[in-house]
Amino acid sequence: MAYRVLAALGLAACSAVALHMLLPARWRLRVDAGLRRLAARSQTLFGRALAWRREQRRARAASLEADRVIRRAREAALRDEGRARGEWRGNVYHSDDFDKPRKPH
């Protein structure tokens, strides 16, 4: 089965090359330019697809890393071993050390 498919592909390629050689020079140039444009477009589309996948993977990894860092910071703040006391307001930690009265000089 695979040999027949390969043989058919080889026959099609040889037929296309023979037909290309039989074309007048003007038509041959037009066909070559069209094939070049088709190859450039397909290469651009393939590159965009790869870049999109790479960007999706990078964004997912960055999101997971940010979640991990936030979780680690919150856990460290809750352990409170030797750390200044304070409270979370949204995603900002406000320490109670700043609420102390100022010392005059």
PDB file of N, CA and C in Angstrom:
ATOM      1  N   MET A   1       0.823  -1.191   0.000  1.00  0.00           N
ATOM      2  CA  MET A   1       0.000   0.000   0.000  1.00  0.00           C
ATOM      3  C   MET A   1       0.870   1.258   0.000  1.00  0.00           C
ATOM      4  N   ALA A   2       1.868   1.304   0.895  1.00  0.00           N
ATOM      5  CA  ALA A   2       2.733   2.477   0.991  1.00  0.00           C
ATOM      6  C   ALA A   2       3.566   2.639  -0.282  1.00  0.00           C
ATOM      7  N   TYR A   3       3.966   1.505  -0.888  1.00  0.00           N
ATOM      8  CA  TYR A   3       4.763   1.586  -2.111  1.00  0.00           C
ATOM      9  C   TYR A   3       3.953   2.196  -3.248  1.00  0.00           C
ATOM     10  N   ARG A   4       2.685   1.872  -3.297  1.00  0.00           N
ATOM     11  CA  ARG A   4       1.831   2.429  -4.353  1.00  0.00           C
ATOM     12  C   ARG A   4       1.646   3.936  -4.163  1.00  0.00           C
ATOM     13  N   VAL A   5       1.497   4.345  -2.918  1.00  0.00           N
ATOM     14  CA  VAL A   5       1.346   5.781  -2.647  1.00  0.00           C
ATOM     15  C   VAL A   5       2.624   6.521  -3.026  1.00  0.00           C
ATOM     16  N   LEU A   6       3.779   5.966  -2.640  1.00  0.00           N
ATOM     17  CA  LEU A   6       5.051   6.598  -2.996  1.00  0.00           C
ATOM     18  C   LEU A   6       5.256   6.624  -4.503  1.00  0.00           C
ATOM     19  N   ALA A   7       4.884   5.541  -5.185  1.00  0.00           N
ATOM     20  CA  ALA A   7       5.013   5.499  -6.639  1.00  0.00           C
ATOM     21  C   ALA A   7       4.103   6.538  -7.292  1.00  0.00           C
ATOM     22  N   ALA A   8       2.894   6.692  -6.774  1.00  0.00           N
ATOM     23  CA  ALA A   8       1.967   7.685  -7.326  1.00  0.00           C
ATOM     24  C   ALA A   8       2.494   9.097  -7.102  1.00  0.00           C
ATOM     25  N   LEU A   9       3.072   9.349  -5.920  1.00  0.00           N
ATOM     26  CA  LEU A   9       3.649  10.668  -5.650  1.00  0.00           C
ATOM     27  C   LEU A   9       4.837  10.953  -6.574  1.00  0.00           C
ATOM     28  N   GLY A  10       5.669   9.948  -6.797  1.00  0.00           N
ATOM     29  CA  GLY A  10       6.805  10.101  -7.706  1.00  0.00           C
ATOM     30  C   GLY A  10       6.353  10.371  -9.128  1.00  0.00           C
ATOM     31  N   LEU A  11       5.331   9.646  -9.584  1.00  0.00           N
ATOM     32  CA  LEU A  11       4.795   9.858 -10.925  1.00  0.00           C
ATOM     33  C   LEU A  11       4.203  11.258 -11.056  1.00  0.00           C
ATOM     34  N   ALA A  12       3.497  11.720 -10.021  1.00  0.00           N
ATOM     35  CA  ALA A  12       2.913  13.062 -10.059  1.00  0.00           C
ATOM     36  C   ALA A  12       4.006  14.126 -10.104  1.00  0.00           C
ATOM     37  N   ALA A  13       5.073  13.940  -9.338  1.00  0.00           N
ATOM     38  CA  ALA A  13       6.170  14.912  -9.332  1.00  0.00           C
ATOM     39  C   ALA A  13       6.859  14.958 -10.691  1.00  0.00           C
ATOM     40  N   CYS A  14       7.130  13.797 -11.268  1.00  0.00           N
ATOM     41  CA  CYS A  14       7.777  13.756 -12.586  1.00  0.00           C
ATOM     42  C   CYS A  14       6.882  14.371 -13.656  1.00  0.00           C
ATOM     43  N   SER A  15       5.593  14.103 -13.582  1.00  0.00           N
ATOM     44  CA  SER A  15       4.651  14.676 -14.550  1.00  0.00           C
ATOM     45  C   SER A  15       4.602  16.195 -14.414  1.00  0.00           C
ATOM     46  N   ALA A  16       4.618  16.699 -13.177  1.00  0.00           N
ATOM     47  CA  ALA A  16       4.585  18.142 -12.959  1.00  0.00           C
ATOM     48  C   ALA A  16       5.841  18.804 -13.508  1.00  0.00           C
ATOM     49  N   VAL A  17       6.993  18.180 -13.312  1.00  0.00           N
ATOM     50  CA  VAL A  17       8.245  18.746 -13.820  1.00  0.00           C
ATOM     51  C   VAL A  17       8.251  18.722 -15.344  1.00  0.00           C
ATOM     52  N   ALA A  18       7.781  17.619 -15.942  1.00  0.00           N
ATOM     53  CA  ALA A  18       7.732  17.529 -17.406  1.00  0.00           C
ATOM     54  C   ALA A  18       6.784  18.578 -17.979  1.00  0.00           C
ATOM     55  N   LEU A  19       5.635  18.757 -17.354  1.00  0.00           N
ATOM     56  CA  LEU A  19       4.682  19.765 -17.809  1.00  0.00           C
ATOM     57  C   LEU A  19       5.276  21.163 -17.665  1.00  0.00           C
ATOM     58  N   HIS A  20       5.999  21.394 -16.598  1.00  0.00           N
ATOM     59  CA  HIS A  20       6.645  22.689 -16.367  1.00  0.00           C
ATOM     60  C   HIS A  20       7.665  22.981 -17.466  1.00  0.00           C
ATOM     61  N   MET A  21       8.405  21.964 -17.880  1.00  0.00           N
ATOM     62  CA  MET A  21       9.407  22.166 -18.931  1.00  0.00           C
ATOM     63  C   MET A  21       8.755  22.434 -20.287  1.00  0.00           C
ATOM     64  N   LEU A  22       7.533  21.942 -20.499  1.00  0.00           N
ATOM     65  CA  LEU A  22       6.851  22.143 -21.771  1.00  0.00           C
ATOM     66  C   LEU A  22       6.196  23.521 -21.879  1.00  0.00           C
ATOM     67  N   LEU A  23       6.016  24.205 -20.752  1.00  0.00           N
ATOM     68  CA  LEU A  23       5.369  25.514 -20.763  1.00  0.00           C
ATOM     69  C   LEU A  23       6.248  26.549 -21.457  1.00  0.00           C
ATOM     70  N   PRO A  24       5.628  27.546 -22.087  1.00  0.00           N
ATOM     71  CA  PRO A  24       6.421  28.654 -22.637  1.00  0.00           C
ATOM     72  C   PRO A  24       7.111  29.417 -21.496  1.00  0.00           C
ATOM     73  N   ALA A  25       8.161  30.126 -21.821  1.00  0.00           N
ATOM     74  CA  ALA A  25       8.981  30.803 -20.805  1.00  0.00           C
ATOM     75  C   ALA A  25       8.157  31.782 -19.973  1.00  0.00           C
ATOM     76  N   ARG A  26       7.255  32.502 -20.613  1.00  0.00           N
ATOM     77  CA  ARG A  26       6.444  33.486 -19.899  1.00  0.00           C
ATOM     78  C   ARG A  26       5.542  32.812 -18.865  1.00  0.00           C
ATOM     79  N   TRP A  27       4.895  31.740 -19.259  1.00  0.00           N
ATOM     80  CA  TRP A  27       4.015  31.008 -18.339  1.00  0.00           C
ATOM     81  C   TRP A  27       4.826  30.372 -17.218  1.00  0.00           C
ATOM     82  N   ARG A  28       6.021  29.866 -17.590  1.00  0.00           N
ATOM     83  CA  ARG A  28       6.884  29.230 -16.594  1.00  0.00           C
ATOM     84  C   ARG A  28       7.265  30.230 -15.498  1.00  0.00           C
ATOM     85  N   LEU A  29       7.591  31.461 -15.899  1.00  0.00           N
ATOM     86  CA  LEU A  29       7.925  32.493 -14.916  1.00  0.00           C
ATOM     87  C   LEU A  29       6.732  32.802 -14.022  1.00  0.00           C
ATOM     88  N   ARG A  30       5.542  32.853 -14.620  1.00  0.00           N
ATOM     89  CA  ARG A  30       4.333  33.135 -13.841  1.00  0.00           C
ATOM     90  C   ARG A  30       4.048  32.005 -12.850  1.00  0.00           C
ATOM     91  N   VAL A  31       4.198  30.763 -13.289  1.00  0.00           N
ATOM     92  CA  VAL A  31       3.976  29.608 -12.405  1.00  0.00           C
ATOM     93  C   VAL A  31       5.002  29.611 -11.275  1.00  0.00           C
ATOM     94  N   ASP A  32       6.261  29.887 -11.620  1.00  0.00           N
ATOM     95  CA  ASP A  32       7.310  29.925 -10.591  1.00  0.00           C
ATOM     96  C   ASP A  32       7.038  31.016  -9.555  1.00  0.00           C
ATOM     97  N   ALA A  33       6.597  32.190 -10.011  1.00  0.00           N
ATOM     98  CA  ALA A  33       6.294  33.281  -9.080  1.00  0.00           C
ATOM     99  C   ALA A  33       5.122  32.901  -8.178  1.00  0.00           C
ATOM    100  N   GLY A  34       4.108  32.265  -8.743  1.00  0.00           N
ATOM    101  CA  GLY A  34       2.963  31.829  -7.938  1.00  0.00           C
ATOM    102  C   GLY A  34       3.363  30.799  -6.898  1.00  0.00           C
ATOM    103  N   LEU A  35       4.227  29.863  -7.288  1.00  0.00           N
ATOM    104  CA  LEU A  35       4.689  28.851  -6.331  1.00  0.00           C
ATOM    105  C   LEU A  35       5.536  29.481  -5.229  1.00  0.00           C
ATOM    106  N   ARG A  36       6.345  30.485  -5.591  1.00  0.00           N
ATOM    107  CA  ARG A  36       7.137  31.174  -4.573  1.00  0.00           C
ATOM    108  C   ARG A  36       6.236  31.896  -3.571  1.00  0.00           C
ATOM    109  N   ARG A  37       5.185  32.576  -4.090  1.00  0.00           N
ATOM    110  CA  ARG A  37       4.244  33.260  -3.196  1.00  0.00           C
ATOM    111  C   ARG A  37       3.536  32.264  -2.290  1.00  0.00           C
ATOM    112  N   LEU A  38       3.120  31.134  -2.860  1.00  0.00           N
ATOM    113  CA  LEU A  38       2.448  30.107  -2.066  1.00  0.00           C
ATOM    114  C   LEU A  38       3.375  29.575  -0.971  1.00  0.00           C
ATOM    115  N   ALA A  39       4.640  29.339  -1.316  1.00  0.00           N
ATOM    116  CA  ALA A  39       5.600  28.845  -0.328  1.00  0.00           C
ATOM    117  C   ALA A  39       5.843  29.889   0.766  1.00  0.00           C
ATOM    118  N   ALA A  40       5.939  31.160   0.382  1.00  0.00           N
ATOM    119  CA  ALA A  40       6.173  32.216   1.377  1.00  0.00           C
ATOM    120  C   ALA A  40       4.980  32.348   2.315  1.00  0.00           C
ATOM    121  N   ARG A  41       3.769  32.299   1.767  1.00  0.00           N
ATOM    122  CA  ARG A  41       2.571  32.391   2.617  1.00  0.00           C
ATOM    123  C   ARG A  41       2.479  31.218   3.578  1.00  0.00           C
ATOM    124  N   SER A  42       2.721  30.018   3.054  1.00  0.00           N
ATOM    125  CA  SER A  42       2.620  28.845   3.931  1.00  0.00           C
ATOM    126  C   SER A  42       3.692  28.887   5.017  1.00  0.00           C
ATOM    127  N   GLN A  43       4.883  29.363   4.668  1.00  0.00           N
ATOM    128  CA  GLN A  43       5.945  29.476   5.668  1.00  0.00           C
ATOM    129  C   GLN A  43       5.571  30.508   6.732  1.00  0.00           C
ATOM    130  N   THR A  44       4.971  31.621   6.316  1.00  0.00           N
ATOM    131  CA  THR A  44       4.541  32.651   7.263  1.00  0.00           C
ATOM    132  C   THR A  44       3.459  32.117   8.191  1.00  0.00           C
ATOM    133  N   LEU A  45       2.474  31.425   7.617  1.00  0.00           N
ATOM    134  CA  LEU A  45       1.399  30.873   8.440  1.00  0.00           C
ATOM    135  C   LEU A  45       1.926  29.833   9.422  1.00  0.00           C
ATOM    136  N   PHE A  46       2.838  28.992   8.960  1.00  0.00           N
ATOM    137  CA  PHE A  46       3.421  27.975   9.828  1.00  0.00           C
ATOM    138  C   PHE A  46       4.214  28.632  10.956  1.00  0.00           C
ATOM    139  N   GLY A  47       4.969  29.673  10.632  1.00  0.00           N
ATOM    140  CA  GLY A  47       5.729  30.395  11.656  1.00  0.00           C
ATOM    141  C   GLY A  47       4.826  31.065  12.673  1.00  0.00           C
ATOM    142  N   ARG A  48       3.713  31.639  12.197  1.00  0.00           N
ATOM    143  CA  ARG A  48       2.767  32.262  13.120  1.00  0.00           C
ATOM    144  C   ARG A  48       2.140  31.231  14.047  1.00  0.00           C
ATOM    145  N   ALA A  49       1.812  30.068  13.501  1.00  0.00           N
ATOM    146  CA  ALA A  49       1.218  29.017  14.336  1.00  0.00           C
ATOM    147  C   ALA A  49       2.201  28.577  15.418  1.00  0.00           C
ATOM    148  N   LEU A  50       3.462  28.407  15.045  1.00  0.00           N
ATOM    149  CA  LEU A  50       4.470  28.017  16.037  1.00  0.00           C
ATOM    150  C   LEU A  50       4.665  29.113  17.083  1.00  0.00           C
ATOM    151  N   ALA A  51       4.697  30.370  16.639  1.00  0.00           N
ATOM    152  CA  ALA A  51       4.876  31.477  17.579  1.00  0.00           C
ATOM    153  C   ALA A  51       3.687  31.578  18.520  1.00  0.00           C
ATOM    154  N   TRP A  52       2.480  31.330  18.018  1.00  0.00           N
ATOM    155  CA  TRP A  52       1.284  31.387  18.860  1.00  0.00           C
ATOM    156  C   TRP A  52       1.348  30.313  19.936  1.00  0.00           C
ATOM    157  N   ARG A  53       1.736  29.094  19.548  1.00  0.00           N
ATOM    158  CA  ARG A  53       1.845  28.010  20.522  1.00  0.00           C
ATOM    159  C   ARG A  53       2.916  28.333  21.566  1.00  0.00           C
ATOM    160  N   ARG A  54       4.033  28.872  21.106  1.00  0.00           N
ATOM    161  CA  ARG A  54       5.121  29.225  22.022  1.00  0.00           C
ATOM    162  C   ARG A  54       4.662  30.302  23.000  1.00  0.00           C
ATOM    163  N   GLU A  55       3.915  31.291  22.514  1.00  0.00           N
ATOM    164  CA  GLU A  55       3.413  32.365  23.372  1.00  0.00           C
ATOM    165  C   GLU A  55       2.401  31.834  24.383  1.00  0.00           C
ATOM    166  N   GLN A  56       1.538  30.920  23.961  1.00  0.00           N
ATOM    167  CA  GLN A  56       0.571  30.323  24.877  1.00  0.00           C
ATOM    168  C   GLN A  56       1.297  29.556  25.989  1.00  0.00           C
ATOM    169  N   ARG A  57       2.305  28.797  25.608  1.00  0.00           N
ATOM    170  CA  ARG A  57       3.072  28.020  26.581  1.00  0.00           C
ATOM    171  C   ARG A  57       3.797  28.939  27.561  1.00  0.00           C
ATOM    172  N   ARG A  58       4.387  30.035  27.040  1.00  0.00           N
ATOM    173  CA  ARG A  58       5.112  30.975  27.888  1.00  0.00           C
ATOM    174  C   ARG A  58       4.161  31.689  28.854  1.00  0.00           C
ATOM    175  N   ALA A  59       2.996  32.080  28.362  1.00  0.00           N
ATOM    176  CA  ALA A  59       2.023  32.769  29.218  1.00  0.00           C
ATOM    177  C   ALA A  59       1.512  31.839  30.312  1.00  0.00           C
ATOM    178  N   ARG A  60       1.278  30.575  29.967  1.00  0.00           N
ATOM    179  CA  ARG A  60       0.809  29.610  30.966  1.00  0.00           C
ATOM    180  C   ARG A  60       1.877  29.390  32.031  1.00  0.00           C
ATOM    181  N   ALA A  61       3.130  29.269  31.612  1.00  0.00           N
ATOM    182  CA  ALA A  61       4.220  29.075  32.574  1.00  0.00           C
ATOM    183  C   ALA A  61       4.386  30.303  33.468  1.00  0.00           C
ATOM    184  N   ALA A  62       4.262  31.503  32.893  1.00  0.00           N
ATOM    185  CA  ALA A  62       4.388  32.726  33.690  1.00  0.00           C
ATOM    186  C   ALA A  62       3.253  32.839  34.699  1.00  0.00           C
ATOM    187  N   SER A  63       2.055  32.464  34.292  1.00  0.00           N
ATOM    188  CA  SER A  63       0.912  32.521  35.205  1.00  0.00           C
ATOM    189  C   SER A  63       1.092  31.547  36.366  1.00  0.00           C
ATOM    190  N   LEU A  64       1.533  30.339  36.068  1.00  0.00           N
ATOM    191  CA  LEU A  64       1.760  29.354  37.128  1.00  0.00           C
ATOM    192  C   LEU A  64       2.859  29.811  38.082  1.00  0.00           C
ATOM    193  N   GLU A  65       3.919  30.395  37.531  1.00  0.00           N
ATOM    194  CA  GLU A  65       5.020  30.880  38.368  1.00  0.00           C
ATOM    195  C   GLU A  65       4.554  32.036  39.253  1.00  0.00           C
ATOM    196  N   ALA A  66       3.751  32.946  38.711  1.00  0.00           N
ATOM    197  CA  ALA A  66       3.234  34.066  39.505  1.00  0.00           C
ATOM    198  C   ALA A  66       2.334  33.560  40.629  1.00  0.00           C
ATOM    199  N   ASP A  67       1.473  32.589  40.332  1.00  0.00           N
ATOM    200  CA  ASP A  67       0.613  32.019  41.372  1.00  0.00           C
ATOM    201  C   ASP A  67       1.445  31.367  42.476  1.00  0.00           C
ATOM    202  N   ARG A  68       2.506  30.673  42.071  1.00  0.00           N
ATOM    203  CA  ARG A  68       3.362  30.003  43.046  1.00  0.00           C
ATOM    204  C   ARG A  68       4.074  31.024  43.937  1.00  0.00           C
ATOM    205  N   VAL A  69       4.563  32.105  43.360  1.00  0.00           N
ATOM    206  CA  VAL A  69       5.266  33.135  44.132  1.00  0.00           C
ATOM    207  C   VAL A  69       4.304  33.842  45.084  1.00  0.00           C
ATOM    208  N   ILE A  70       3.099  34.146  44.624  1.00  0.00           N
ATOM    209  CA  ILE A  70       2.109  34.804  45.488  1.00  0.00           C
ATOM    210  C   ILE A  70       1.735  33.900  46.650  1.00  0.00           C
ATOM    211  N   ARG A  71       1.516  32.620  46.368  1.00  0.00           N
ATOM    212  CA  ARG A  71       1.160  31.678  47.428  1.00  0.00           C
ATOM    213  C   ARG A  71       2.291  31.569  48.449  1.00  0.00           C
ATOM    214  N   ARG A  72       3.534  31.507  47.970  1.00  0.00           N
ATOM    215  CA  ARG A  72       4.678  31.407  48.875  1.00  0.00           C
ATOM    216  C   ARG A  72       4.806  32.659  49.737  1.00  0.00           C
ATOM    217  N   ALA A  73       4.569  33.838  49.167  1.00  0.00           N
ATOM    218  CA  ALA A  73       4.661  35.083  49.935  1.00  0.00           C
ATOM    219  C   ALA A  73       3.567  35.153  50.995  1.00  0.00           C
ATOM    220  N   ARG A  74       2.376  34.735  50.642  1.00  0.00           N
ATOM    221  CA  ARG A  74       1.283  34.776  51.623  1.00  0.00           C
ATOM    222  C   ARG A  74       1.515  33.775  52.750  1.00  0.00           C
ATOM    223  N   GLU A  75       2.017  32.595  52.408  1.00  0.00           N
ATOM    224  CA  GLU A  75       2.306  31.606  53.449  1.00  0.00           C
ATOM    225  C   GLU A  75       3.405  32.108  54.371  1.00  0.00           C
ATOM    226  N   ALA A  76       4.410  32.763  53.813  1.00  0.00           N
ATOM    227  CA  ALA A  76       5.496  33.303  54.637  1.00  0.00           C
ATOM    228  C   ALA A  76       4.975  34.412  55.543  1.00  0.00           C
ATOM    229  N   ALA A  77       4.043  35.212  55.052  1.00  0.00           N
ATOM    230  CA  ALA A  77       3.482  36.286  55.877  1.00  0.00           C
ATOM    231  C   ALA A  77       2.607  35.717  56.986  1.00  0.00           C
ATOM    232  N   LEU A  78       1.947  34.602  56.731  1.00  0.00           N
ATOM    233  CA  LEU A  78       1.089  34.007  57.754  1.00  0.00           C
ATOM    234  C   LEU A  78       1.898  33.296  58.839  1.00  0.00           C
ATOM    235  N   ARG A  79       3.080  32.788  58.490  1.00  0.00           N
ATOM    236  CA  ARG A  79       3.928  32.128  59.493  1.00  0.00           C
ATOM    237  C   ARG A  79       4.367  33.119  60.556  1.00  0.00           C
ATOM    238  N   ASP A  80       4.697  34.308  60.133  1.00  0.00           N
ATOM    239  CA  ASP A  80       4.916  35.429  61.043  1.00  0.00           C
ATOM    240  C   ASP A  80       6.041  35.204  62.042  1.00  0.00           C
ATOM    241  N   GLU A  81       7.046  34.438  61.715  1.00  0.00           N
ATOM    242  CA  GLU A  81       8.142  34.162  62.651  1.00  0.00           C
ATOM    243  C   GLU A  81       9.167  35.292  62.572  1.00  0.00           C
ATOM    244  N   GLY A  82       9.157  36.171  63.562  1.00  0.00           N
ATOM    245  CA  GLY A  82      10.131  37.252  63.603  1.00  0.00           C
ATOM    246  C   GLY A  82       9.846  38.352  62.600  1.00  0.00           C
ATOM    247  N   ARG A  83       8.695  38.335  62.022  1.00  0.00           N
ATOM    248  CA  ARG A  83       8.358  39.349  61.031  1.00  0.00           C
ATOM    249  C   ARG A  83       7.487  40.419  61.675  1.00  0.00           C
ATOM    250  N   ALA A  84       7.442  41.536  61.073  1.00  0.00           N
ATOM    251  CA  ALA A  84       6.592  42.621  61.571  1.00  0.00           C
ATOM    252  C   ALA A  84       5.129  42.233  61.394  1.00  0.00           C
ATOM    253  N   ARG A  85       4.336  42.640  62.359  1.00  0.00           N
ATOM    254  CA  ARG A  85       2.904  42.350  62.275  1.00  0.00           C
ATOM    255  C   ARG A  85       2.254  43.340  61.313  1.00  0.00           C
ATOM    256  N   GLY A  86       1.168  42.903  60.733  1.00  0.00           N
ATOM    257  CA  GLY A  86       0.459  43.770  59.800  1.00  0.00           C
ATOM    258  C   GLY A  86      -0.761  43.062  59.241  1.00  0.00           C
ATOM    259  N   GLU A  87      -1.294  43.607  58.168  1.00  0.00           N
ATOM    260  CA  GLU A  87      -2.492  43.023  57.567  1.00  0.00           C
ATOM    261  C   GLU A  87      -2.415  43.168  56.048  1.00  0.00           C
ATOM    262  N   TRP A  88      -3.166  42.310  55.390  1.00  0.00           N
ATOM    263  CA  TRP A  88      -3.273  42.373  53.935  1.00  0.00           C
ATOM    264  C   TRP A  88      -4.462  43.247  53.571  1.00  0.00           C
ATOM    265  N   ARG A  89      -4.255  44.206  52.689  1.00  0.00           N
ATOM    266  CA  ARG A  89      -5.343  45.012  52.121  1.00  0.00           C
ATOM    267  C   ARG A  89      -5.272  44.807  50.610  1.00  0.00           C
ATOM    268  N   GLY A  90      -6.127  43.898  50.142  1.00  0.00           N
ATOM    269  CA  GLY A  90      -6.033  43.516  48.736  1.00  0.00           C
ATOM    270  C   GLY A  90      -4.791  42.665  48.551  1.00  0.00           C
ATOM    271  N   ASN A  91      -3.903  43.079  47.674  1.00  0.00           N
ATOM    272  CA  ASN A  91      -2.669  42.332  47.490  1.00  0.00           C
ATOM    273  C   ASN A  91      -1.461  43.081  48.049  1.00  0.00           C
ATOM    274  N   VAL A  92      -1.697  44.034  48.962  1.00  0.00           N
ATOM    275  CA  VAL A  92      -0.624  44.822  49.574  1.00  0.00           C
ATOM    276  C   VAL A  92      -0.582  44.528  51.064  1.00  0.00           C
ATOM    277  N   TYR A  93       0.614  44.246  51.584  1.00  0.00           N
ATOM    278  CA  TYR A  93       0.804  43.958  53.000  1.00  0.00           C
ATOM    279  C   TYR A  93       1.197  45.251  53.701  1.00  0.00           C
ATOM    280  N   HIS A  94       0.397  45.690  54.677  1.00  0.00           N
ATOM    281  CA  HIS A  94       0.664  46.907  55.445  1.00  0.00           C
ATOM    282  C   HIS A  94       1.159  46.503  56.833  1.00  0.00           C
ATOM    283  N   SER A  95       2.397  46.865  57.115  1.00  0.00           N
ATOM    284  CA  SER A  95       3.012  46.509  58.380  1.00  0.00           C
ATOM    285  C   SER A  95       2.555  47.458  59.479  1.00  0.00           C
ATOM    286  N   ASP A  96       2.430  46.934  60.702  1.00  0.00           N
ATOM    287  CA  ASP A  96       2.059  47.761  61.853  1.00  0.00           C
ATOM    288  C   ASP A  96       3.227  48.632  62.310  1.00  0.00           C
ATOM    289  N   ASP A  97       4.434  48.353  61.846  1.00  0.00           N
ATOM    290  CA  ASP A  97       5.597  49.152  62.230  1.00  0.00           C
ATOM    291  C   ASP A  97       5.456  50.602  61.788  1.00  0.00           C
ATOM    292  N   PHE A  98       4.710  50.839  60.740  1.00  0.00           N
ATOM    293  CA  PHE A  98       4.559  52.199  60.243  1.00  0.00           C
ATOM    294  C   PHE A  98       3.545  52.998  61.051  1.00  0.00           C
ATOM    295  N   ASP A  99       2.778  52.331  61.906  1.00  0.00           N
ATOM    296  CA  ASP A  99       1.774  53.022  62.712  1.00  0.00           C
ATOM    297  C   ASP A  99       2.347  53.586  64.015  1.00  0.00           C
ATOM    298  N   LYS A 100       3.610  53.311  64.320  1.00  0.00           N
ATOM    299  CA  LYS A 100       4.222  53.800  65.557  1.00  0.00           C
ATOM    300  C   LYS A 100       4.399  55.316  65.487  1.00  0.00           C
ATOM    301  N   PRO A 101       4.350  56.000  66.663  1.00  0.00           N
ATOM    302  CA  PRO A 101       4.554  57.458  66.648  1.00  0.00           C
ATOM    303  C   PRO A 101       5.994  57.790  66.273  1.00  0.00           C
ATOM    304  N   ARG A 102       6.166  58.928  65.655  1.00  0.00           N
ATOM    305  CA  ARG A 102       7.501  59.354  65.240  1.00  0.00           C
ATOM    306  C   ARG A 102       8.294  59.848  66.442  1.00  0.00           C
ATOM    307  N   LYS A 103       9.585  59.657  66.395  1.00  0.00           N
ATOM    308  CA  LYS A 103      10.466  60.125  67.460  1.00  0.00           C
ATOM    309  C   LYS A 103      11.004  61.502  67.077  1.00  0.00           C
ATOM    310  N   PRO A 104      10.772  62.509  67.918  1.00  0.00           N
ATOM    311  CA  PRO A 104      11.317  63.839  67.586  1.00  0.00           C
ATOM    312  C   PRO A 104      12.835  63.851  67.793  1.00  0.00           C
ATOM    313  N   HIS A 105      13.509  64.649  67.052  1.00  0.00           N
ATOM    314  CA  HIS A 105      14.975  64.728  67.163  1.00  0.00           C
ATOM    315  C   HIS A 105      15.390  65.725  68.180  1.00  0.00           C
TER     316      HIS A 105
END
